[in-house]
C-alpha atoms as a PDB file:
ATOM      1  CA  MET A   1      -0.010   0.002  -0.011  1.00  0.00           C
ATOM      2  CA  ILE A   2       1.366   3.418  -0.986  1.00  0.00           C
ATOM      3  CA  GLU A   3       1.407   5.942   1.820  1.00  0.00           C
ATOM      4  CA  GLU A   4      -0.826   8.957   1.260  1.00  0.00           C
ATOM      5  CA  GLN A   5       0.980  12.156   0.399  1.00  0.00           C
ATOM      6  CA  VAL A   6       0.102  15.683   1.497  1.00  0.00           C
ATOM      7  CA  ILE A   7       0.610  18.917  -0.422  1.00  0.00           C
ATOM      8  CA  LEU A   8       3.265  21.083   1.181  1.00  0.00           C
ATOM      9  CA  VAL A   9       2.408  24.789   0.950  1.00  0.00           C
ATOM     10  CA  ASN A  10       3.798  28.173   1.939  1.00  0.00           C
ATOM     11  CA  GLU A  11       1.757  30.618   4.034  1.00  0.00           C
ATOM     12  CA  GLN A  12       0.036  31.914   0.850  1.00  0.00           C
ATOM     13  CA  ASP A  13      -1.272  28.375   0.129  1.00  0.00           C
ATOM     14  CA  GLU A  14       1.039  27.990  -2.876  1.00  0.00           C
ATOM     15  CA  PRO A  15       2.131  24.352  -3.384  1.00  0.00           C
ATOM     16  CA  ILE A  16       5.868  23.770  -2.867  1.00  0.00           C
ATOM     17  CA  GLY A  17       6.017  19.971  -2.980  1.00  0.00           C
ATOM     18  CA  LEU A  18       4.632  16.656  -1.782  1.00  0.00           C
ATOM     19  CA  MET A  19       5.549  14.615   1.285  1.00  0.00           C
ATOM     20  CA  ASN A  20       4.358  11.371   2.853  1.00  0.00           C
ATOM     21  CA  LYS A  21       1.635  12.190   5.375  1.00  0.00           C
ATOM     22  CA  MET A  22       3.364  10.560   8.345  1.00  0.00           C
ATOM     23  CA  GLU A  23       6.658  12.327   7.590  1.00  0.00           C
ATOM     24  CA  ALA A  24       4.861  15.682   7.357  1.00  0.00           C
ATOM     25  CA  HIS A  25       3.294  15.087  10.752  1.00  0.00           C
ATOM     26  CA  GLU A  26       6.582  13.912  12.292  1.00  0.00           C
ATOM     27  CA  LYS A  27       8.445  17.001  10.989  1.00  0.00           C
ATOM     28  CA  ALA A  28       5.534  19.472  11.588  1.00  0.00           C
ATOM     29  CA  VAL A  29       5.786  20.715   7.998  1.00  0.00           C
ATOM     30  CA  LEU A  30       3.074  23.131   6.807  1.00  0.00           C
ATOM     31  CA  HIS A  31       0.676  21.333   4.469  1.00  0.00           C
ATOM     32  CA  ARG A  32      -2.786  21.787   2.969  1.00  0.00           C
ATOM     33  CA  ALA A  33      -5.817  20.308   4.717  1.00  0.00           C
ATOM     34  CA  PHE A  34      -9.578  20.736   4.955  1.00  0.00           C
ATOM     35  CA  SER A  35     -12.290  20.507   7.579  1.00  0.00           C
ATOM     36  CA  VAL A  36     -15.949  19.915   6.770  1.00  0.00           C
ATOM     37  CA  PHE A  37     -18.868  20.997   8.973  1.00  0.00           C
ATOM     38  CA  ILE A  38     -22.228  19.476   8.029  1.00  0.00           C
ATOM     39  CA  LEU A  39     -25.288  21.189   9.504  1.00  0.00           C
ATOM     40  CA  ASN A  40     -28.917  20.123   9.436  1.00  0.00           C
ATOM     41  CA  ASP A  41     -32.020  22.307   9.104  1.00  0.00           C
ATOM     42  CA  LYS A  42     -32.085  22.710  12.904  1.00  0.00           C
ATOM     43  CA  ASN A  43     -28.629  24.331  12.701  1.00  0.00           C
ATOM     44  CA  GLU A  44     -27.031  21.352  14.483  1.00  0.00           C
ATOM     45  CA  VAL A  45     -23.536  20.193  13.564  1.00  0.00           C
ATOM     46  CA  MET A  46     -22.883  16.536  12.742  1.00  0.00           C
ATOM     47  CA  LEU A  47     -19.953  15.402  14.834  1.00  0.00           C
ATOM     48  CA  GLN A  48     -18.004  12.204  14.383  1.00  0.00           C
ATOM     49  CA  GLN A  49     -16.224  10.129  16.956  1.00  0.00           C
ATOM     50  CA  ARG A  50     -12.925   8.841  15.572  1.00  0.00           C
ATOM     51  CA  ALA A  51     -12.604   5.065  15.339  1.00  0.00           C
ATOM     52  CA  HIS A  52     -11.074   3.297  18.329  1.00  0.00           C
ATOM     53  CA  HIS A  53      -8.124   1.927  16.344  1.00  0.00           C
ATOM     54  CA  LYS A  54      -6.913   5.268  14.866  1.00  0.00           C
ATOM     55  CA  TYR A  55      -3.164   5.888  15.425  1.00  0.00           C
ATOM     56  CA  HIS A  56      -3.888   9.251  17.040  1.00  0.00           C
ATOM     57  CA  SER A  57      -6.904  10.755  18.811  1.00  0.00           C
ATOM     58  CA  PRO A  58      -8.959   7.518  18.922  1.00  0.00           C
ATOM     59  CA  LEU A  59     -12.528   7.836  20.262  1.00  0.00           C
ATOM     60  CA  LEU A  60     -12.322  11.619  20.398  1.00  0.00           C
ATOM     61  CA  TRP A  61     -15.103  13.777  18.942  1.00  0.00           C
ATOM     62  CA  THR A  62     -14.427  16.091  16.029  1.00  0.00           C
ATOM     63  CA  ASN A  63     -16.106  17.853  13.099  1.00  0.00           C
ATOM     64  CA  THR A  64     -17.970  15.902  10.427  1.00  0.00           C
ATOM     65  CA  CYS A  65     -14.807  15.066   8.541  1.00  0.00           C
ATOM     66  CA  CYS A  66     -11.347  16.388   7.812  1.00  0.00           C
ATOM     67  CA  SER A  67      -8.387  15.241   5.800  1.00  0.00           C
ATOM     68  CA  HIS A  68      -5.878  16.304   3.150  1.00  0.00           C
ATOM     69  CA  GLN A  69      -6.278  17.233  -0.459  1.00  0.00           C
ATOM     70  CA  ARG A  70      -4.541  15.033  -3.000  1.00  0.00           C
ATOM     71  CA  ALA A  71      -2.324  16.351  -5.794  1.00  0.00           C
ATOM     72  CA  GLY A  72      -4.547  17.741  -8.574  1.00  0.00           C
ATOM     73  CA  GLU A  73      -7.679  17.810  -6.381  1.00  0.00           C
ATOM     74  CA  ASN A  74      -9.392  21.072  -5.482  1.00  0.00           C
ATOM     75  CA  ASN A  75     -10.672  21.752  -1.969  1.00  0.00           C
ATOM     76  CA  ILE A  76     -14.350  21.050  -2.685  1.00  0.00           C
ATOM     77  CA  GLU A  77     -13.591  17.815  -4.551  1.00  0.00           C
ATOM     78  CA  ALA A  78     -11.408  16.662  -1.644  1.00  0.00           C
ATOM     79  CA  GLY A  79     -14.071  17.521   0.922  1.00  0.00           C
ATOM     80  CA  LYS A  80     -16.776  15.681  -0.990  1.00  0.00           C
ATOM     81  CA  ARG A  81     -14.529  12.642  -1.497  1.00  0.00           C
ATOM     82  CA  ARG A  82     -13.602  12.318   2.156  1.00  0.00           C
ATOM     83  CA  LEU A  83     -17.141  13.055   3.399  1.00  0.00           C
ATOM     84  CA  PHE A  84     -18.366  10.118   1.345  1.00  0.00           C
ATOM     85  CA  GLU A  85     -15.435   7.862   2.414  1.00  0.00           C
ATOM     86  CA  GLU A  86     -15.920   8.566   6.129  1.00  0.00           C
ATOM     87  CA  MET A  87     -19.627   9.342   6.546  1.00  0.00           C
ATOM     88  CA  GLY A  88     -21.187   7.612   3.512  1.00  0.00           C
ATOM     89  CA  PHE A  89     -23.136  10.472   2.008  1.00  0.00           C
ATOM     90  CA  LYS A  90     -22.771  13.286  -0.524  1.00  0.00           C
ATOM     91  CA  ALA A  91     -23.510  16.962   0.063  1.00  0.00           C
ATOM     92  CA  GLU A  92     -22.794  20.218  -1.691  1.00  0.00           C
ATOM     93  CA  LEU A  93     -19.986  22.061   0.069  1.00  0.00           C
ATOM     94  CA  LYS A  94     -19.004  25.694   0.247  1.00  0.00           C
ATOM     95  CA  GLU A  95     -15.622  26.961   1.374  1.00  0.00           C
ATOM     96  CA  LEU A  96     -15.927  29.568   4.110  1.00  0.00           C
ATOM     97  CA  PHE A  97     -12.356  30.541   5.008  1.00  0.00           C
ATOM     98  CA  HIS A  98      -8.875  29.172   5.619  1.00  0.00           C
ATOM     99  CA  PHE A  99      -6.286  29.679   8.337  1.00  0.00           C
ATOM    100  CA  ILE A 100      -3.015  28.198   9.611  1.00  0.00           C
ATOM    101  CA  TYR A 101      -2.700  26.322  12.865  1.00  0.00           C
ATOM    102  CA  LYS A 102      -0.164  24.124  14.598  1.00  0.00           C
ATOM    103  CA  ALA A 103      -1.245  21.458  17.102  1.00  0.00           C
ATOM    104  CA  PRO A 104       1.034  18.843  18.694  1.00  0.00           C
ATOM    105  CA  PHE A 105      -0.328  15.443  19.690  1.00  0.00           C
ATOM    106  CA  ASP A 106       0.693  13.465  22.757  1.00  0.00           C
ATOM    107  CA  ASN A 107       2.241  10.785  20.479  1.00  0.00           C
ATOM    108  CA  GLY A 108       4.967  13.095  19.128  1.00  0.00           C
ATOM    109  CA  LEU A 109       3.204  13.996  15.845  1.00  0.00           C
ATOM    110  CA  THR A 110       2.183  17.567  14.997  1.00  0.00           C
ATOM    111  CA  GLU A 111      -0.527  18.952  12.764  1.00  0.00           C
ATOM    112  CA  HIS A 112       0.751  22.088  10.988  1.00  0.00           C
ATOM    113  CA  GLU A 113      -1.907  22.850   8.483  1.00  0.00           C
ATOM    114  CA  LEU A 114      -3.290  25.499   6.220  1.00  0.00           C
ATOM    115  CA  ASP A 115      -6.872  24.398   6.771  1.00  0.00           C
ATOM    116  CA  HIS A 116      -9.717  25.135   4.337  1.00  0.00           C
ATOM    117  CA  VAL A 117     -12.968  25.155   6.336  1.00  0.00           C
ATOM    118  CA  MET A 118     -16.099  24.106   4.431  1.00  0.00           C
ATOM    119  CA  ILE A 119     -19.782  23.878   5.231  1.00  0.00           C
ATOM    120  CA  GLY A 120     -22.572  21.718   3.833  1.00  0.00           C
ATOM    121  CA  TYR A 121     -26.115  20.717   4.727  1.00  0.00           C
ATOM    122  CA  TYR A 122     -27.638  17.290   5.240  1.00  0.00           C
ATOM    123  CA  ASN A 123     -30.596  16.049   7.312  1.00  0.00           C
ATOM    124  CA  GLU A 124     -30.331  12.268   7.224  1.00  0.00           C
ATOM    125  CA  ALA A 125     -28.351   9.750   9.279  1.00  0.00           C
ATOM    126  CA  PRO A 126     -24.896   9.011   7.812  1.00  0.00           C
ATOM    127  CA  GLU A 127     -23.695   5.504   6.884  1.00  0.00           C
ATOM    128  CA  ILE A 128     -20.421   5.674   8.775  1.00  0.00           C
ATOM    129  CA  ASN A 129     -17.328   3.787   7.682  1.00  0.00           C
ATOM    130  CA  PRO A 130     -16.205   1.774  10.777  1.00  0.00           C
ATOM    131  CA  ASP A 131     -12.574   1.920   9.624  1.00  0.00           C
ATOM    132  CA  GLU A 132     -12.723   5.697  10.161  1.00  0.00           C
ATOM    133  CA  VAL A 133     -15.627   6.486  12.466  1.00  0.00           C
ATOM    134  CA  GLU A 134     -16.810   4.951  15.722  1.00  0.00           C
ATOM    135  CA  SER A 135     -20.038   6.958  16.172  1.00  0.00           C
ATOM    136  CA  TRP A 136     -21.747  10.226  15.285  1.00  0.00           C
ATOM    137  CA  LYS A 137     -24.268  12.708  16.735  1.00  0.00           C
ATOM    138  CA  TRP A 138     -25.949  16.023  16.064  1.00  0.00           C
ATOM    139  CA  MET A 139     -25.187  18.905  18.462  1.00  0.00           C
ATOM    140  CA  THR A 140     -26.090  22.588  18.435  1.00  0.00           C
ATOM    141  CA  ILE A 141     -23.225  25.010  18.075  1.00  0.00           C
ATOM    142  CA  GLU A 142     -23.827  26.377  21.574  1.00  0.00           C
ATOM    143  CA  ALA A 143     -23.956  22.869  23.073  1.00  0.00           C
ATOM    144  CA  ILE A 144     -20.593  22.038  21.468  1.00  0.00           C
ATOM    145  CA  LYS A 145     -19.112  25.249  22.834  1.00  0.00           C
ATOM    146  CA  GLU A 146     -20.356  24.476  26.366  1.00  0.00           C
ATOM    147  CA  ASP A 147     -19.328  20.812  26.225  1.00  0.00           C
ATOM    148  CA  MET A 148     -15.814  21.708  25.107  1.00  0.00           C
ATOM    149  CA  ILE A 149     -15.446  23.790  28.274  1.00  0.00           C
ATOM    150  CA  GLU A 150     -16.856  21.038  30.511  1.00  0.00           C
ATOM    151  CA  ASN A 151     -15.221  18.046  28.729  1.00  0.00           C
ATOM    152  CA  PRO A 152     -12.218  19.299  26.718  1.00  0.00           C
ATOM    153  CA  ASP A 153     -10.468  15.917  26.760  1.00  0.00           C
ATOM    154  CA  THR A 154     -13.256  14.314  24.696  1.00  0.00           C
ATOM    155  CA  TYR A 155     -12.478  16.451  21.608  1.00  0.00           C
ATOM    156  CA  THR A 156      -9.579  16.345  19.162  1.00  0.00           C
ATOM    157  CA  VAL A 157      -6.934  18.995  19.643  1.00  0.00           C
ATOM    158  CA  TRP A 158      -7.497  20.369  16.127  1.00  0.00           C
ATOM    159  CA  PHE A 159     -11.280  20.485  16.466  1.00  0.00           C
ATOM    160  CA  LYS A 160     -11.001  22.802  19.481  1.00  0.00           C
ATOM    161  CA  ILE A 161      -8.910  25.185  17.346  1.00  0.00           C
ATOM    162  CA  ILE A 162     -11.023  24.860  14.185  1.00  0.00           C
ATOM    163  CA  PHE A 163     -14.334  25.118  16.083  1.00  0.00           C
ATOM    164  CA  ASP A 164     -13.230  28.392  17.692  1.00  0.00           C
ATOM    165  CA  GLU A 165     -12.429  29.827  14.225  1.00  0.00           C
ATOM    166  CA  PHE A 166     -15.731  28.467  12.834  1.00  0.00           C
ATOM    167  CA  TYR A 167     -17.700  29.917  15.774  1.00  0.00           C
ATOM    168  CA  HIS A 168     -16.164  33.369  15.311  1.00  0.00           C
ATOM    169  CA  TYR A 169     -16.808  33.175  11.569  1.00  0.00           C
ATOM    170  CA  LEU A 170     -20.495  32.481  12.247  1.00  0.00           C
ATOM    171  CA  GLU A 171     -20.652  35.452  14.624  1.00  0.00           C
ATOM    172  CA  ASP A 172     -19.344  37.752  11.858  1.00  0.00           C
ATOM    173  CA  HIS A 173     -21.189  36.295   8.839  1.00  0.00           C
ATOM    174  CA  LYS A 174     -24.762  35.393   8.030  1.00  0.00           C
ATOM    175  CA  LEU A 175     -24.970  31.933   6.400  1.00  0.00           C
END
């Protein structure tokens, strides 16, 4: 099996090369990524719980899906691909914003990503891929914010960062 590669970028999101995903996380090299937030018509966010056998952050709650673009793939295509691979459904996505963050894990790896945050809408139950996802649930944005304060250790390190950016974006923009 060929290891997945990530797109290395500079701070302007210009591609500067490719690197194996694990190596990029070991060396904390800036690379392109995306995060998808799916909302329903009640304005609840679909959260996923990472599968128990994941090499980092197992059983922690996070946004609907997130991953890395592949060479030649645009942000929306990548988001739709991974949403289907992880959650088993298709939805139209819209890119909201992007930002850079750096988050170390307790296993020695570090996420250093230029993250493209996208939103989509869906009202049904997903058909989760058990290789990727343990469980899922709908939560209101305010409930997520409150639960992150009360139970911060149940969420992925990157979701806490990305959710804060998403929350402030929603405060400043009408969707």
